[in-house]
């Protein structure tokens, strides 16, 4: 999923010590705009989300955004909604993290771009497809996602959800709801939020979008139907 599409958070350069038999160092790609204080500072004051919150930098699963590995040279981003890597990155920085858009001459962007390129293969140019699961309405999600296994859901909740919801992480200007707060919602509402948060319509039969950001949505390819059912059962237990 490319919420990069769901958006592409961001990265940087740092000094990496290299064993050479003396104290020489070489400058190499670094993660300071990918994770940590500098990445979080790209957002609004108080933002606690960094790029790593939503995007892996390897092949690991469990985050709503597409991995940043092999993404730099795609021909477009965000399902065609962003023409350049900078545009896609700013979609995260502004839309999710509440910050101010970077420019192509900003030193932070130049570091960040260099890092993303360092983990990308120039031969990989095909954009990631975006495929949110949009059902008719909340009732349809209720029917599709009831009946999960709460015992199995605990570990899955930890993997997919706890990074934001265990602590009420502040994403941009908004606090993520805690586990207790999530449990107050219906099965259908939780499933609808997970599947359509952000720009996708909340339901094909809904008159308006009731699931805007700041949470990126999980596609079924990133979080299976059975896993989400189990997670919701755990939340509701």
Protein backbone atom coordinates (compact mmCIF):
# COMPACT_ATOMS: atom_id res chain seq x y z
CA UNK A 1 0.00 0.00 0.00
CA UNK A 2 1.37 3.30 -0.83
CA UNK A 3 -0.11 5.79 1.54
CA UNK A 4 2.54 7.45 0.57
CA UNK A 5 -0.36 6.63 -1.08
CA UNK A 6 -1.16 6.68 2.35
CA UNK A 7 1.66 8.73 2.31
CA UNK A 8 5.56 8.66 2.34
CA UNK A 9 7.20 9.87 5.54
CA UNK A 10 10.86 10.83 5.35
CA UNK A 11 14.59 10.39 6.06
CA UNK A 12 18.29 11.58 6.09
CA UNK A 13 22.11 11.24 6.24
CA UNK A 14 24.52 10.70 9.14
CA UNK A 15 28.11 9.78 9.89
CA UNK A 16 28.74 6.06 10.11
CA UNK A 17 31.98 4.81 11.67
CA UNK A 18 33.91 2.48 9.38
CA UNK A 19 36.61 0.14 10.65
CA UNK A 20 39.76 1.23 8.82
CA UNK A 21 42.38 0.63 11.47
CA UNK A 22 42.29 4.32 12.49
CA UNK A 23 39.74 6.98 13.39
CA UNK A 24 38.71 7.88 9.82
CA UNK A 25 34.97 8.13 9.20
CA UNK A 26 32.91 8.18 6.04
CA UNK A 27 29.64 9.92 5.43
CA UNK A 28 26.87 7.45 4.66
CA UNK A 29 23.08 7.36 4.40
CA UNK A 30 21.41 7.74 7.77
CA UNK A 31 17.98 7.50 9.29
CA UNK A 32 17.61 10.78 11.19
CA UNK A 33 14.73 11.98 9.02
CA UNK A 34 13.25 8.49 8.96
CA UNK A 35 12.93 7.92 12.69
CA UNK A 36 13.55 9.95 15.79
CA UNK A 37 13.37 13.58 16.84
CA UNK A 38 14.37 15.17 13.52
CA UNK A 39 11.75 13.19 11.63
CA UNK A 40 9.03 14.07 14.16
CA UNK A 41 10.06 17.74 13.97
CA UNK A 42 9.02 17.82 10.31
CA UNK A 43 5.48 17.86 11.67
CA UNK A 44 3.60 20.37 13.78
CA UNK A 45 4.89 21.15 17.28
CA UNK A 46 4.01 18.24 19.54
CA UNK A 47 3.76 15.70 16.73
CA UNK A 48 4.98 12.28 17.91
CA UNK A 49 4.83 10.45 14.58
CA UNK A 50 7.89 9.94 12.42
CA UNK A 51 8.27 8.25 9.06
CA UNK A 52 8.90 4.90 10.72
CA UNK A 53 5.50 5.07 12.41
CA UNK A 54 3.82 4.20 9.12
CA UNK A 55 6.60 3.12 6.74
CA UNK A 56 9.20 0.36 7.06
CA UNK A 57 12.59 0.80 5.41
CA UNK A 58 12.88 -2.90 4.63
CA UNK A 59 10.51 -5.76 3.77
CA UNK A 60 8.94 -5.98 7.23
CA UNK A 61 5.15 -6.06 7.44
CA UNK A 62 2.85 -4.51 10.02
CA UNK A 63 2.61 -0.82 9.09
CA UNK A 64 -0.18 0.91 7.16
CA UNK A 65 2.08 2.75 4.71
CA UNK A 66 4.13 1.15 1.96
CA UNK A 67 7.74 0.39 2.71
CA UNK A 68 10.16 3.09 1.59
CA UNK A 69 12.46 0.41 0.22
CA UNK A 70 12.58 0.64 -3.59
CA UNK A 71 10.13 3.53 -3.74
CA UNK A 72 12.33 6.48 -4.76
CA UNK A 73 12.31 5.86 -8.51
CA UNK A 74 8.64 5.11 -9.01
CA UNK A 75 7.10 6.94 -11.97
CA UNK A 76 4.35 8.35 -9.73
CA UNK A 77 3.10 8.10 -6.17
CA UNK A 78 -0.12 8.00 -4.13
CA UNK A 79 -2.01 6.15 -6.83
CA UNK A 80 -1.06 8.80 -9.37
CA UNK A 81 -1.99 11.65 -7.06
CA UNK A 82 1.61 12.77 -6.59
CA UNK A 83 3.98 13.24 -9.50
CA UNK A 84 7.24 13.32 -7.56
CA UNK A 85 8.82 11.84 -4.47
CA UNK A 86 8.84 15.32 -2.92
CA UNK A 87 5.11 15.72 -3.55
CA UNK A 88 4.41 12.35 -1.97
CA UNK A 89 6.62 13.12 1.01
CA UNK A 90 4.89 16.44 1.57
CA UNK A 91 1.55 14.63 1.55
CA UNK A 92 2.74 12.93 4.72
CA UNK A 93 4.49 15.92 6.24
CA UNK A 94 1.55 18.27 5.73
CA UNK A 95 -1.47 15.96 5.63
CA UNK A 96 -0.56 13.53 8.39
CA UNK A 97 2.13 15.17 10.50
CA UNK A 98 0.68 18.69 10.31
CA UNK A 99 3.95 20.29 9.21
CA UNK A 100 4.99 22.72 6.49
CA UNK A 101 5.84 21.47 3.00
CA UNK A 102 9.51 21.06 2.16
CA UNK A 103 11.03 22.43 -1.04
CA UNK A 104 13.53 20.77 -3.33
CA UNK A 105 16.28 23.13 -2.11
CA UNK A 106 15.65 22.50 1.60
CA UNK A 107 18.70 20.74 3.13
CA UNK A 108 16.36 18.50 5.12
CA UNK A 109 14.72 17.33 1.93
CA UNK A 110 18.02 16.76 0.18
CA UNK A 111 19.18 14.52 3.03
CA UNK A 112 15.87 12.77 3.19
CA UNK A 113 15.73 12.17 -0.55
CA UNK A 114 19.29 10.82 -0.47
CA UNK A 115 18.34 8.30 2.19
CA UNK A 116 15.27 7.05 0.34
CA UNK A 117 17.33 6.73 -2.83
CA UNK A 118 20.00 4.80 -0.92
CA UNK A 119 17.49 2.04 -0.11
CA UNK A 120 15.89 2.04 -3.58
CA UNK A 121 16.70 0.21 -6.80
CA UNK A 122 16.60 2.59 -9.83
CA UNK A 123 15.19 -0.28 -11.87
CA UNK A 124 12.02 -0.41 -9.76
CA UNK A 125 9.77 2.22 -11.33
CA UNK A 126 6.27 0.71 -11.27
CA UNK A 127 4.03 2.61 -8.81
CA UNK A 128 2.37 0.80 -5.94
CA UNK A 129 -1.33 0.26 -6.50
CA UNK A 130 -3.84 1.60 -3.99
CA UNK A 131 -6.75 -0.70 -3.12
CA UNK A 132 -8.78 0.32 -0.07
CA UNK A 133 -11.60 -2.03 0.87
CA UNK A 134 -14.67 0.17 0.55
CA UNK A 135 -17.87 -1.62 1.56
CA UNK A 136 -21.36 -0.11 1.44
CA UNK A 137 -21.56 1.29 4.96
CA UNK A 138 -20.79 0.63 8.62
CA UNK A 139 -23.34 -2.18 8.77
CA UNK A 140 -21.56 -3.97 5.95
CA UNK A 141 -18.27 -3.76 7.85
CA UNK A 142 -20.02 -5.05 10.97
CA UNK A 143 -21.19 -8.11 9.07
CA UNK A 144 -17.81 -8.72 7.45
CA UNK A 145 -15.67 -8.33 10.57
CA UNK A 146 -17.65 -9.81 13.46
CA UNK A 147 -16.70 -13.15 15.00
CA UNK A 148 -12.92 -12.94 15.34
CA UNK A 149 -10.72 -14.77 17.85
CA UNK A 150 -9.83 -12.40 20.69
CA UNK A 151 -7.02 -14.60 22.02
CA UNK A 152 -5.31 -14.64 18.63
CA UNK A 153 -5.97 -10.93 18.25
CA UNK A 154 -3.81 -9.75 21.13
CA UNK A 155 -0.46 -10.39 19.43
CA UNK A 156 -1.80 -9.00 16.16
CA UNK A 157 -2.97 -5.84 17.92
CA UNK A 158 0.52 -5.45 19.36
CA UNK A 159 2.08 -5.84 15.91
CA UNK A 160 -0.24 -3.64 13.89
CA UNK A 161 -1.86 -1.17 16.27
CA UNK A 162 -0.04 -0.64 19.55
CA UNK A 163 2.58 1.70 18.10
CA UNK A 164 -0.02 4.47 18.10
CA UNK A 165 -2.93 3.23 20.19
CA UNK A 166 -1.15 1.82 23.24
CA UNK A 167 0.04 5.27 24.21
CA UNK A 168 -2.41 7.60 22.46
CA UNK A 169 0.40 8.82 20.19
CA UNK A 170 -0.08 12.36 18.86
CA UNK A 171 -0.12 12.26 15.06
CA UNK A 172 -0.01 15.80 13.71
CA UNK A 173 -2.53 17.70 15.85
CA UNK A 174 -4.58 14.64 16.85
CA UNK A 175 -4.31 12.11 19.67
CA UNK A 176 -4.68 8.47 18.65
CA UNK A 177 -7.52 6.83 20.60
CA UNK A 178 -6.35 4.40 23.28
CA UNK A 179 -7.40 0.76 23.50
CA UNK A 180 -10.09 1.66 26.03
CA UNK A 181 -11.45 4.37 23.76
CA UNK A 182 -11.42 2.06 20.74
CA UNK A 183 -13.40 -0.56 22.65
CA UNK A 184 -16.31 1.86 22.94
CA UNK A 185 -16.84 1.72 19.16
CA UNK A 186 -18.79 -0.94 17.29
CA UNK A 187 -17.10 -3.72 15.33
CA UNK A 188 -18.28 -2.11 12.12
CA UNK A 189 -16.99 1.32 13.00
CA UNK A 190 -13.53 0.04 13.92
CA UNK A 191 -13.29 -2.01 10.72
CA UNK A 192 -14.50 0.89 8.59
CA UNK A 193 -11.92 3.21 10.14
CA UNK A 194 -9.08 0.74 9.62
CA UNK A 195 -10.01 0.13 5.99
CA UNK A 196 -10.89 3.65 4.84
CA UNK A 197 -9.21 6.20 7.12
CA UNK A 198 -7.87 9.17 5.23
CA UNK A 199 -8.91 10.09 1.67
CA UNK A 200 -10.84 6.93 0.62
CA UNK A 201 -14.63 7.21 0.93
CA UNK A 202 -15.84 5.56 4.13
CA UNK A 203 -18.53 3.61 2.26
CA UNK A 204 -19.88 3.29 -1.25
CA UNK A 205 -23.37 4.04 0.06
CA UNK A 206 -22.31 6.80 2.46
CA UNK A 207 -23.29 10.35 1.57
CA UNK A 208 -20.08 11.74 3.07
CA UNK A 209 -16.67 10.51 4.18
CA UNK A 210 -16.86 9.82 7.91
CA UNK A 211 -13.31 8.45 8.27
CA UNK A 212 -10.87 11.24 7.43
CA UNK A 213 -7.21 11.16 8.64
CA UNK A 214 -4.85 11.21 10.41
CA UNK A 215 -4.73 7.39 10.42
CA UNK A 216 -3.58 5.78 7.15
CA UNK A 217 -5.80 2.89 6.07
CA UNK A 218 -4.74 -0.76 5.94
CA UNK A 219 -5.44 -2.59 2.69
CA UNK A 220 -6.37 -6.29 2.89
CA UNK A 221 -3.00 -7.12 1.32
CA UNK A 222 -1.28 -5.49 4.32
CA UNK A 223 -3.70 -6.64 7.03
CA UNK A 224 -5.82 -9.66 6.14
CA UNK A 225 -9.52 -9.95 6.82
CA UNK A 226 -8.97 -12.74 9.35
CA UNK A 227 -6.25 -10.79 11.17
CA UNK A 228 -8.40 -7.66 11.38
CA UNK A 229 -11.34 -9.71 12.67
CA UNK A 230 -9.12 -11.10 15.43
CA UNK A 231 -7.76 -7.65 16.30
CA UNK A 232 -11.25 -6.21 16.60
CA UNK A 233 -12.35 -9.15 18.75
CA UNK A 234 -9.42 -8.44 21.08
CA UNK A 235 -10.24 -4.72 21.22
CA UNK A 236 -13.83 -5.54 22.10
CA UNK A 237 -12.97 -8.24 24.66
